[in-house]
Protein backbone atom coordinates (compact mmCIF):
# COMPACT_ATOMS: atom_id res chain seq x y z
CA MET A 1 -19.85 15.10 31.50
CA ASN A 2 -17.16 15.36 34.17
CA ALA A 3 -13.63 15.51 32.74
CA SER A 4 -12.60 12.64 35.00
CA THR A 5 -15.14 10.35 33.31
CA VAL A 6 -13.87 11.05 29.79
CA HIS A 7 -12.04 8.06 28.36
CA PRO A 8 -8.45 8.86 27.24
CA VAL A 9 -9.49 8.02 23.65
CA ASP A 10 -12.04 10.87 23.74
CA GLU A 11 -9.80 13.35 25.59
CA ARG A 12 -9.44 16.77 23.92
CA LEU A 13 -5.87 18.06 24.17
CA PRO A 14 -4.60 21.65 23.78
CA VAL A 15 -4.36 22.69 20.13
CA PRO A 16 -0.53 23.19 20.08
CA ARG A 17 0.00 19.71 21.53
CA LEU A 18 -2.53 18.23 19.11
CA ALA A 19 -0.74 19.83 16.18
CA ALA A 20 2.68 18.53 17.27
CA LEU A 21 1.44 15.01 17.99
CA GLY A 22 -0.63 14.97 14.78
CA LEU A 23 2.42 16.03 12.75
CA GLN A 24 4.40 13.20 14.33
CA HIS A 25 1.78 10.70 13.12
CA VAL A 26 1.97 12.23 9.63
CA LEU A 27 5.76 12.01 9.51
CA VAL A 28 5.72 8.38 10.67
CA MET A 29 3.40 7.36 7.82
CA TYR A 30 4.47 9.87 5.14
CA ALA A 31 7.11 7.72 3.42
CA GLY A 32 4.69 4.80 3.20
CA ALA A 33 1.85 7.05 2.05
CA ILE A 34 3.73 8.47 -0.94
CA ALA A 35 5.34 5.19 -1.97
CA VAL A 36 2.27 3.60 -3.56
CA PRO A 37 1.36 6.46 -5.95
CA LEU A 38 5.03 6.64 -6.96
CA ILE A 39 5.17 2.89 -7.69
CA VAL A 40 1.85 2.68 -9.54
CA GLY A 41 2.25 6.01 -11.35
CA ARG A 42 5.62 5.01 -12.74
CA ALA A 43 4.36 1.51 -13.60
CA LEU A 44 1.58 3.20 -15.58
CA LYS A 45 4.26 5.32 -17.34
CA LEU A 46 2.38 8.51 -16.49
CA THR A 47 3.97 11.92 -16.95
CA PRO A 48 5.68 13.56 -13.94
CA GLU A 49 2.74 15.97 -13.64
CA GLN A 50 0.28 13.07 -13.53
CA VAL A 51 2.34 11.22 -10.92
CA ALA A 52 2.42 14.42 -8.83
CA LEU A 53 -1.37 14.53 -9.13
CA LEU A 54 -1.58 10.96 -7.80
CA ILE A 55 0.56 11.96 -4.81
CA SER A 56 -1.59 15.02 -4.03
CA ALA A 57 -4.75 12.95 -4.39
CA ASP A 58 -3.32 10.28 -2.10
CA LEU A 59 -2.48 12.74 0.69
CA PHE A 60 -5.84 14.49 0.29
CA ALA A 61 -7.81 11.22 0.48
CA CYS A 62 -5.64 10.04 3.41
CA GLY A 63 -6.86 13.09 5.30
CA ILE A 64 -10.53 12.59 4.44
CA VAL A 65 -10.59 8.90 5.34
CA THR A 66 -8.60 9.44 8.55
CA LEU A 67 -11.13 12.05 9.67
CA ILE A 68 -14.03 9.71 8.95
CA GLN A 69 -12.38 6.81 10.76
CA SER A 70 -11.26 8.74 13.86
CA MET A 71 -14.24 11.08 14.23
CA GLY A 72 -16.99 8.69 13.23
CA VAL A 73 -19.78 9.63 10.81
CA THR A 74 -23.06 8.17 12.07
CA ARG A 75 -23.02 4.70 13.56
CA TRP A 76 -22.24 3.17 10.17
CA PHE A 77 -18.80 4.66 9.55
CA GLY A 78 -15.81 5.22 11.81
CA ILE A 79 -14.19 3.12 14.54
CA ARG A 80 -13.66 6.27 16.71
CA LEU A 81 -10.16 5.21 17.76
CA PRO A 82 -6.79 6.93 17.06
CA VAL A 83 -6.34 5.55 13.53
CA MET A 84 -4.35 6.99 10.62
CA MET A 85 -5.53 5.71 7.25
CA GLY A 86 -3.20 5.24 4.30
CA VAL A 87 -2.90 3.40 0.99
CA THR A 88 -2.27 -0.30 1.53
CA PHE A 89 0.75 -2.06 0.03
CA ALA A 90 -1.35 -5.20 -0.33
CA ALA A 91 -2.93 -3.75 -3.47
CA VAL A 92 0.36 -2.77 -5.14
CA GLY A 93 1.04 -6.15 -6.75
CA PRO A 94 -2.30 -6.41 -8.60
CA MET A 95 -2.24 -2.73 -9.55
CA VAL A 96 1.26 -2.99 -11.01
CA ALA A 97 0.13 -6.08 -12.96
CA PHE A 98 -2.83 -4.07 -14.32
CA ALA A 99 -0.49 -1.18 -15.14
CA ASN A 100 1.94 -3.41 -17.03
CA ALA A 101 -0.93 -4.87 -19.05
CA GLN A 102 -2.46 -1.48 -19.87
CA PRO A 103 -0.15 1.50 -19.25
CA GLY A 104 -1.16 5.12 -19.58
CA VAL A 105 -4.30 7.05 -18.69
CA ASP A 106 -6.58 4.22 -19.88
CA GLY A 107 -4.88 1.86 -17.46
CA ALA A 108 -5.29 4.39 -14.65
CA ARG A 109 -9.00 4.70 -15.39
CA ALA A 110 -9.36 0.91 -15.32
CA ILE A 111 -7.55 0.71 -11.97
CA PHE A 112 -9.74 3.45 -10.48
CA GLY A 113 -12.84 1.64 -11.75
CA ALA A 114 -11.71 -1.58 -10.08
CA ILE A 115 -11.04 0.32 -6.85
CA ILE A 116 -14.49 1.96 -6.89
CA GLY A 117 -16.16 -1.41 -7.49
CA ALA A 118 -14.14 -3.09 -4.76
CA GLY A 119 -14.92 -0.24 -2.35
CA ILE A 120 -18.67 -0.61 -2.86
CA ILE A 121 -18.52 -4.39 -2.43
CA SER A 122 -16.31 -3.99 0.66
CA MET A 123 -18.87 -1.73 2.35
CA ILE A 124 -21.57 -4.32 1.71
CA ILE A 125 -19.60 -7.30 3.04
CA ALA A 126 -17.91 -5.47 5.97
CA PRO A 127 -20.24 -6.94 8.65
CA ALA A 128 -19.55 -10.46 7.39
CA ILE A 129 -15.79 -9.84 7.25
CA SER A 130 -15.85 -8.71 10.89
CA LYS A 131 -16.85 -12.27 11.77
CA MET A 132 -14.20 -14.01 9.61
CA LEU A 133 -11.14 -13.45 11.79
CA ARG A 134 -10.99 -17.16 12.66
CA PHE A 135 -10.18 -17.95 9.01
CA PHE A 136 -7.07 -15.76 9.19
CA PRO A 137 -4.88 -16.96 12.07
CA PRO A 138 -1.20 -15.85 12.24
CA VAL A 139 -0.09 -18.72 9.97
CA VAL A 140 -2.23 -17.20 7.21
CA THR A 141 -1.69 -13.48 7.81
CA GLY A 142 2.05 -13.93 8.40
CA THR A 143 2.43 -15.82 5.13
CA ILE A 144 0.48 -13.20 3.17
CA ILE A 145 2.46 -10.27 4.61
CA THR A 146 5.74 -12.12 3.94
CA ILE A 147 4.95 -12.60 0.26
CA ILE A 148 3.82 -8.96 -0.02
CA GLY A 149 7.28 -7.91 1.15
CA VAL A 150 9.05 -10.37 -1.14
CA SER A 151 7.01 -9.20 -4.14
CA LEU A 152 7.70 -5.55 -3.39
CA MET A 153 11.44 -6.07 -2.98
CA ARG A 154 11.65 -6.39 -6.77
CA VAL A 155 10.35 -2.82 -7.00
CA GLY A 156 12.86 -1.58 -4.41
CA VAL A 157 15.78 -3.24 -6.18
CA GLY A 158 14.61 -1.81 -9.52
CA TRP A 159 14.56 1.66 -7.99
CA ALA A 160 18.08 1.25 -6.59
CA MET A 161 19.29 0.20 -10.04
CA GLY A 162 17.82 3.36 -11.57
CA GLY A 163 14.73 1.85 -13.19
CA PRO A 164 14.13 -1.15 -15.49
CA ALA A 165 17.03 -2.54 -17.53
CA PHE A 166 15.22 -1.98 -20.82
CA LEU A 167 12.74 0.65 -21.93
CA ALA A 168 10.21 0.66 -24.75
CA GLN A 169 11.09 3.49 -27.08
CA ARG A 170 8.69 6.33 -26.40
CA THR A 171 8.31 7.09 -30.12
CA ASP A 172 7.17 3.51 -30.65
CA VAL A 173 4.41 3.46 -28.02
CA PRO A 174 1.57 4.04 -30.54
CA LYS A 175 3.09 1.32 -32.72
CA LEU A 176 3.32 -0.96 -29.69
CA VAL A 177 -0.37 -0.41 -28.89
CA GLU A 178 -1.23 -1.18 -32.51
CA MET A 179 0.83 -4.39 -32.34
CA VAL A 180 -0.96 -5.50 -29.17
CA ASP A 181 -4.41 -4.80 -30.66
CA LYS A 182 -3.56 -6.74 -33.83
CA ALA A 183 -2.19 -9.65 -31.80
CA LYS A 184 -5.36 -9.75 -29.67
CA ALA A 185 -7.57 -9.75 -32.78
CA SER A 186 -5.52 -12.50 -34.44
CA ALA A 187 -5.52 -14.59 -31.29
CA ALA A 188 -9.28 -14.24 -30.87
CA ALA A 189 -9.89 -15.24 -34.50
CA ALA A 190 -7.64 -18.28 -34.25
CA SER A 191 -8.57 -19.20 -30.66
CA ALA A 192 -4.85 -19.20 -29.91
CA PRO A 193 -2.60 -17.58 -27.31
CA ILE A 194 -1.58 -13.97 -27.95
CA THR A 195 1.84 -13.68 -29.59
CA LEU A 196 3.79 -10.50 -30.25
CA GLY A 197 6.65 -9.84 -32.57
CA PRO A 198 9.78 -8.12 -31.29
CA ILE A 199 8.91 -5.03 -29.26
CA PRO A 200 11.30 -2.13 -29.89
CA MET A 201 13.38 -1.77 -26.73
CA VAL A 202 16.41 0.29 -25.85
CA ASP A 203 18.94 0.00 -23.05
CA ASN A 204 18.27 2.12 -19.98
CA PRO A 205 21.60 4.02 -19.78
CA GLY A 206 21.09 4.71 -16.08
CA TYR A 207 20.51 1.09 -15.11
CA GLY A 208 23.08 -0.16 -12.62
CA ALA A 209 25.13 3.06 -12.84
CA LEU A 210 27.62 3.05 -9.98
CA ASP A 211 26.83 6.62 -8.90
CA ASN A 212 23.11 5.77 -8.75
CA MET A 213 23.74 2.68 -6.66
CA ALA A 214 26.12 4.67 -4.46
CA ILE A 215 23.35 7.16 -3.65
CA ALA A 216 20.92 4.30 -2.93
CA GLY A 217 23.56 2.76 -0.65
CA PHE A 218 24.09 6.12 1.06
CA VAL A 219 20.36 6.38 1.82
CA LEU A 220 20.39 2.85 3.20
CA VAL A 221 23.40 3.59 5.44
CA ILE A 222 21.79 6.79 6.78
CA VAL A 223 18.60 4.90 7.63
CA LEU A 224 20.55 2.14 9.41
CA LEU A 225 22.64 4.66 11.40
CA LEU A 226 19.52 6.51 12.51
CA VAL A 227 17.81 3.28 13.53
CA LYS A 228 20.85 2.17 15.53
CA TYR A 229 21.88 5.41 17.20
CA THR A 230 18.62 7.33 17.69
CA LYS A 231 15.45 6.63 19.61
CA GLY A 232 11.81 7.62 19.68
CA PHE A 233 10.57 10.11 17.14
CA ILE A 234 13.81 10.38 15.12
CA ALA A 235 14.07 6.59 14.85
CA ASN A 236 10.43 6.43 13.75
CA ILE A 237 11.05 8.79 10.81
CA SER A 238 14.45 7.33 9.89
CA VAL A 239 13.26 6.32 6.40
CA LEU A 240 11.98 9.82 5.69
CA LEU A 241 15.23 11.39 6.95
CA GLY A 242 17.22 8.94 4.81
CA ILE A 243 15.31 10.07 1.73
CA VAL A 244 15.98 13.72 2.63
CA ALA A 245 19.71 12.97 3.00
CA GLY A 246 19.71 11.13 -0.34
CA CYS A 247 18.03 14.10 -2.02
CA ALA A 248 20.67 16.43 -0.57
CA LEU A 249 23.44 14.24 -1.99
CA ALA A 250 21.71 13.97 -5.37
CA ILE A 251 21.37 17.77 -5.50
CA ALA A 252 25.04 18.22 -4.60
CA MET A 253 25.97 15.83 -7.44
CA GLY A 254 23.75 17.71 -9.88
CA LYS A 255 21.47 14.69 -10.33
CA MET A 256 18.21 16.23 -9.07
CA ASN A 257 16.50 19.35 -10.37
CA PHE A 258 13.41 21.31 -9.42
CA ASP A 259 12.18 22.53 -12.81
CA LYS A 260 8.76 20.95 -12.42
CA VAL A 261 8.53 22.05 -8.76
CA GLY A 262 8.95 25.65 -9.86
CA LYS A 263 6.16 25.31 -12.40
CA ALA A 264 3.72 23.68 -9.95
CA HIS A 265 1.04 25.77 -8.23
CA TRP A 266 1.31 26.59 -4.55
CA PHE A 267 -2.30 25.66 -3.86
CA ASP A 268 -4.87 23.64 -5.75
CA VAL A 269 -7.93 21.54 -5.02
CA VAL A 270 -7.93 17.82 -5.83
CA THR A 271 -10.84 17.12 -8.18
CA PRO A 272 -12.66 13.81 -8.73
CA PHE A 273 -12.08 11.82 -11.94
CA ALA A 274 -9.12 13.96 -13.02
CA PHE A 275 -8.08 11.19 -15.45
CA GLY A 276 -11.57 10.89 -16.94
CA MET A 277 -14.45 8.60 -16.09
CA PRO A 278 -13.27 5.21 -14.78
CA THR A 279 -13.83 2.01 -16.70
CA PHE A 280 -15.09 -1.15 -15.04
CA ASP A 281 -13.73 -4.65 -15.67
CA ILE A 282 -15.34 -7.45 -13.67
CA VAL A 283 -12.15 -9.50 -13.29
CA MET A 284 -10.20 -6.48 -12.08
CA ILE A 285 -13.00 -5.60 -9.64
CA LEU A 286 -13.08 -9.14 -8.23
CA THR A 287 -9.28 -9.14 -7.95
CA MET A 288 -9.31 -5.89 -5.98
CA THR A 289 -12.20 -7.20 -3.85
CA LEU A 290 -10.07 -10.19 -2.84
CA VAL A 291 -7.31 -7.75 -1.90
CA MET A 292 -9.79 -5.75 0.17
CA ILE A 293 -10.91 -8.87 2.03
CA VAL A 294 -7.29 -9.47 3.05
CA VAL A 295 -6.94 -5.77 3.95
CA MET A 296 -10.07 -5.82 6.11
CA ILE A 297 -8.97 -8.96 7.90
CA GLU A 298 -5.69 -7.22 8.70
CA SER A 299 -7.63 -4.12 9.79
CA THR A 300 -9.71 -6.29 12.11
CA GLY A 301 -6.57 -7.42 13.87
CA MET A 302 -5.33 -3.81 13.98
CA PHE A 303 -8.56 -2.52 15.50
CA LEU A 304 -8.61 -5.26 18.12
CA ALA A 305 -4.97 -4.56 18.96
CA LEU A 306 -5.67 -0.81 19.18
CA SER A 307 -8.65 -1.50 21.41
CA ASP A 308 -6.35 -3.46 23.70
CA ILE A 309 -3.65 -0.72 23.65
CA THR A 310 -6.08 2.12 24.38
CA GLY A 311 -8.20 0.20 26.86
CA LYS A 312 -11.40 1.04 25.02
CA LYS A 313 -13.44 -2.03 24.19
CA ILE A 314 -15.18 -2.21 20.82
CA ASP A 315 -18.22 -4.32 19.98
CA GLN A 316 -19.23 -6.03 16.74
CA PRO A 317 -21.15 -3.04 15.30
CA GLN A 318 -18.19 -0.72 15.97
CA LEU A 319 -15.81 -3.20 14.34
CA ALA A 320 -18.10 -3.42 11.32
CA ALA A 321 -18.22 0.40 11.17
CA GLY A 322 -14.42 0.52 11.09
CA LEU A 323 -14.23 -2.07 8.30
CA ARG A 324 -17.03 -0.35 6.40
CA THR A 325 -14.86 2.78 6.48
CA ASP A 326 -12.06 0.80 4.79
CA GLY A 327 -14.53 0.21 1.97
CA LEU A 328 -15.75 3.81 1.97
CA GLY A 329 -12.15 5.05 1.95
CA THR A 330 -11.40 2.82 -1.02
CA LEU A 331 -14.47 4.17 -2.84
CA ILE A 332 -13.33 7.73 -2.07
CA GLY A 333 -9.85 6.77 -3.29
CA GLY A 334 -11.17 5.60 -6.65
CA ILE A 335 -13.23 8.75 -7.08
CA PHE A 336 -10.32 11.05 -6.17
CA ASN A 337 -7.73 9.32 -8.41
CA THR A 338 -6.01 7.24 -5.75
CA PHE A 339 -5.97 3.77 -4.21
CA PRO A 340 -7.39 1.39 -1.51
CA TYR A 341 -7.11 2.46 2.13
CA THR A 342 -6.47 0.72 5.42
CA SER A 343 -5.28 1.57 8.93
CA PHE A 344 -1.52 2.11 9.06
CA SER A 345 0.06 -0.23 11.58
CA GLN A 346 3.07 2.07 12.05
CA ASN A 347 0.71 4.54 13.68
CA VAL A 348 -0.91 1.86 15.81
CA GLY A 349 2.58 1.13 17.12
CA LEU A 350 3.17 4.86 17.70
CA VAL A 351 0.09 5.02 19.95
CA GLY A 352 1.65 2.31 22.10
CA VAL A 353 5.07 4.01 22.11
CA THR A 354 3.85 7.51 23.02
CA GLY A 355 1.05 6.43 25.35
CA VAL A 356 -1.15 9.19 23.88
CA ARG A 357 -4.51 7.54 23.24
CA SER A 358 -6.64 10.51 22.17
CA ARG A 359 -8.31 10.10 18.78
CA TYR A 360 -8.17 13.87 18.38
CA VAL A 361 -4.43 13.49 17.72
CA THR A 362 -5.11 11.46 14.56
CA ILE A 363 -7.92 13.87 13.67
CA ALA A 364 -5.26 16.60 13.74
CA GLY A 365 -3.04 14.34 11.61
CA GLY A 366 -5.89 13.90 9.12
CA LEU A 367 -6.30 17.68 8.82
CA ILE A 368 -2.56 18.04 8.15
CA MET A 369 -2.69 15.36 5.42
CA LEU A 370 -5.70 17.12 3.89
CA PHE A 371 -3.74 20.38 3.77
CA LEU A 372 -0.63 18.72 2.29
CA GLY A 373 -2.80 17.22 -0.45
CA MET A 374 -3.71 20.72 -1.60
CA LEU A 375 -0.07 21.78 -2.05
CA PRO A 376 0.94 20.74 -5.60
CA LYS A 377 4.50 21.97 -5.03
CA MET A 378 4.89 19.36 -2.28
CA ALA A 379 3.69 16.60 -4.62
CA ALA A 380 5.93 17.87 -7.44
CA PHE A 381 8.93 17.82 -5.09
CA VAL A 382 8.18 14.22 -4.09
CA GLU A 383 7.81 13.21 -7.75
CA ALA A 384 11.17 14.84 -8.50
CA ILE A 385 12.97 12.49 -6.11
CA PRO A 386 15.17 10.20 -8.28
CA GLN A 387 14.33 6.51 -8.28
CA TYR A 388 17.71 5.50 -6.90
CA VAL A 389 17.16 7.70 -3.83
CA LEU A 390 13.88 5.93 -3.22
CA GLY A 391 15.65 2.62 -3.89
CA GLY A 392 17.72 2.80 -0.72
CA ALA A 393 14.60 3.56 1.33
CA GLY A 394 12.56 0.99 -0.60
CA LEU A 395 14.93 -1.80 0.40
CA VAL A 396 14.22 -0.92 4.03
CA MET A 397 10.47 -0.33 3.67
CA PHE A 398 9.73 -3.40 1.60
CA GLY A 399 12.20 -5.58 3.46
CA MET A 400 10.52 -4.61 6.72
CA VAL A 401 7.20 -5.77 5.30
CA ALA A 402 8.68 -9.23 4.67
CA ALA A 403 10.38 -9.16 8.08
CA THR A 404 7.06 -8.32 9.73
CA GLY A 405 5.49 -11.36 8.09
CA ILE A 406 8.37 -13.54 9.28
CA ARG A 407 7.98 -12.08 12.76
CA ILE A 408 4.30 -13.03 12.78
CA LEU A 409 5.14 -16.51 11.49
CA SER A 410 7.59 -16.91 14.39
CA THR A 411 4.58 -16.94 16.75
CA VAL A 412 3.04 -19.93 14.95
CA ASP A 413 3.14 -23.34 16.66
CA TYR A 414 5.11 -25.69 14.40
CA LYS A 415 6.21 -28.12 17.08
CA ASN A 416 2.79 -29.40 18.04
CA ASN A 417 1.20 -28.81 14.66
CA ARG A 418 3.55 -29.73 11.82
CA HIS A 419 0.75 -29.04 9.31
CA ASN A 420 1.46 -25.33 9.73
CA LEU A 421 4.78 -25.91 7.96
CA TYR A 422 2.92 -27.15 4.90
CA VAL A 423 0.57 -24.14 4.95
CA VAL A 424 3.51 -21.72 4.95
CA ALA A 425 5.67 -23.69 2.50
CA LEU A 426 3.04 -24.25 -0.17
CA ALA A 427 1.38 -20.81 0.13
CA ILE A 428 4.73 -19.06 -0.32
CA GLY A 429 5.54 -21.43 -3.18
CA PHE A 430 2.34 -20.45 -4.98
CA GLY A 431 3.07 -16.78 -4.34
CA LEU A 432 6.51 -17.05 -5.93
CA ILE A 433 5.21 -18.54 -9.20
CA PRO A 434 4.61 -15.16 -10.93
CA LEU A 435 8.03 -13.94 -9.77
CA VAL A 436 10.07 -16.90 -11.01
CA ALA A 437 7.88 -17.73 -14.04
CA PRO A 438 6.33 -14.44 -15.25
CA ARG A 439 4.85 -16.04 -18.37
CA TRP A 440 3.26 -19.03 -16.67
CA THR A 441 -0.26 -17.83 -17.65
CA GLN A 442 0.40 -17.49 -21.39
CA GLN A 443 -1.63 -20.62 -22.24
CA MET A 444 -4.57 -19.56 -20.05
CA ALA A 445 -7.55 -17.31 -20.74
CA HIS A 446 -6.39 -13.68 -20.92
CA SER A 447 -9.21 -12.56 -18.59
CA LEU A 448 -7.62 -14.60 -15.78
CA HIS A 449 -4.17 -13.02 -16.07
CA PRO A 450 -4.72 -10.12 -13.62
CA LEU A 451 -5.76 -12.64 -10.98
CA LEU A 452 -3.11 -15.28 -11.63
CA GLU A 453 -0.22 -12.86 -12.08
CA SER A 454 -0.54 -11.59 -8.50
CA GLY A 455 1.61 -13.64 -6.15
CA ILE A 456 -0.09 -11.93 -3.22
CA LEU A 457 -3.54 -13.16 -4.20
CA LEU A 458 -2.26 -16.65 -4.99
CA THR A 459 -0.66 -16.80 -1.55
CA ALA A 460 -3.81 -15.48 0.17
CA VAL A 461 -6.09 -18.03 -1.49
CA ALA A 462 -3.65 -20.91 -0.98
CA ALA A 463 -2.97 -20.03 2.67
CA VAL A 464 -6.66 -19.79 3.57
CA LEU A 465 -7.58 -23.04 1.78
CA LEU A 466 -4.58 -24.98 3.13
CA ASN A 467 -5.27 -23.75 6.65
CA LEU A 468 -8.90 -24.86 6.35
CA PHE A 469 -7.78 -28.23 4.99
CA PHE A 470 -5.24 -28.92 7.73
CA ASN A 471 -6.59 -26.99 10.71
CA GLY A 472 -10.26 -26.33 10.01
CA ALA A 473 -11.95 -23.04 10.90
CA LYS A 474 -10.56 -22.87 14.42
CA GLY A 475 -10.96 -19.50 16.06
CA ASP A 476 -7.70 -17.76 16.94
CA THR A 477 -8.75 -14.21 17.77
CA ALA A 478 -6.08 -13.83 20.44
CA GLY A 479 -3.41 -14.96 17.97
CA ALA A 480 -4.69 -12.50 15.38
CA ILE A 481 -4.47 -9.66 17.92
CA GLU A 482 -0.91 -10.58 18.82
CA ALA A 483 -0.04 -10.80 15.12
CA ALA A 484 -1.49 -7.34 14.60
CA LYS A 485 0.58 -5.96 17.44
CA ALA A 486 3.70 -7.46 15.85
CA ALA A 487 2.96 -5.84 12.48
CA GLU A 488 4.71 -2.49 12.51
CA ALA A 489 4.86 -1.90 8.76
CA HIS A 490 2.64 -2.45 5.73
């Protein structure tokens, strides 16, 4: 084939340039990629070594799934566009709810089981999802992304404060598990709601400490200064540079140590089922499947937007192959001790900014992620970052998610269709129920709690149903593409 006939998406660039451009893609997504294992690992109350394992597994799986998506593996998997795959924030809410209900290794195994189940189902339904874009116009996707950001802000604020205000005493964890088991048995026998006696709690001495909040504020200021006074690549990695600056300050203040980094191996291979064989709960699987439907709808918009940016048209089978890879990536994530995957919109935006459309750039990025995943010292260093350092960055990352949703909602027509106001108002209202009334499900069947305690899923279901009620199943593919272009953060 003549070089002049090669589409820019399929252009092979010199290796040094590929490496530099691939590294840029990695740096743009790195902060978002490591955030989810940190959030979920700490919600599960795993040990620092186990959280470091989650981070390594995440980076490793990011690399594998990115290679599959960008290179293409048969006609069934891979969109063959410059796509970087990463863990989606959309799944954080349900996973944290699962983690709070069942902390520890057993909770991790249940989450991985739900992810594996959802990945398999997602691969099966991918062709159907590729035809459902009309059910997710900007009024729906914007509302969902907004509530994702609002829900995650609670995590960011908790980080900035230095962790939760109260902690269960570690020595009382076995007793706490025994109390929960007895309460469940009593409730089942009496057909009554589960009730617990007082759970031994102690104050978190670091909560709200002024020096912790000062470091979080310092990180936030650094990020804002970089965003305002720099451009291009530096501006794109402002969050990562803010975290680095926060770490430097924490080290100078003697508040960050590297004991566990020193003990970590330089090189290791991520192994499947490192936490043991996963367990499968049907409600958790269905909950994660609903999340994956939302993720794949968002991916559909991303792929269509990327097709428009690169000038390479994609047909229905190619779109289905890309969505099927979301499911395959999620299955791989569950097997390799990590979480659901989707295309990272930050990197879609970077393709537009740089003008480099070659998919071999993201293939290079995938290889770099794969390599980073096999460096336990890197994961141990990330795990060693204090929560309050991440808090300053979290306020930006999670706030930008909400801002992205609001930005998408700004494209919605409210003047000529006042019903859209009701869709947004009520869907957000439903999504806020678990935040403002955390115990609202206590009189309901316990098996429904994982579903009903996720504001993100409540918003998704409410937004879709309300939109169908008021607007019907009107196609709005163009609007979905524009919404995808506006989404620059997960």
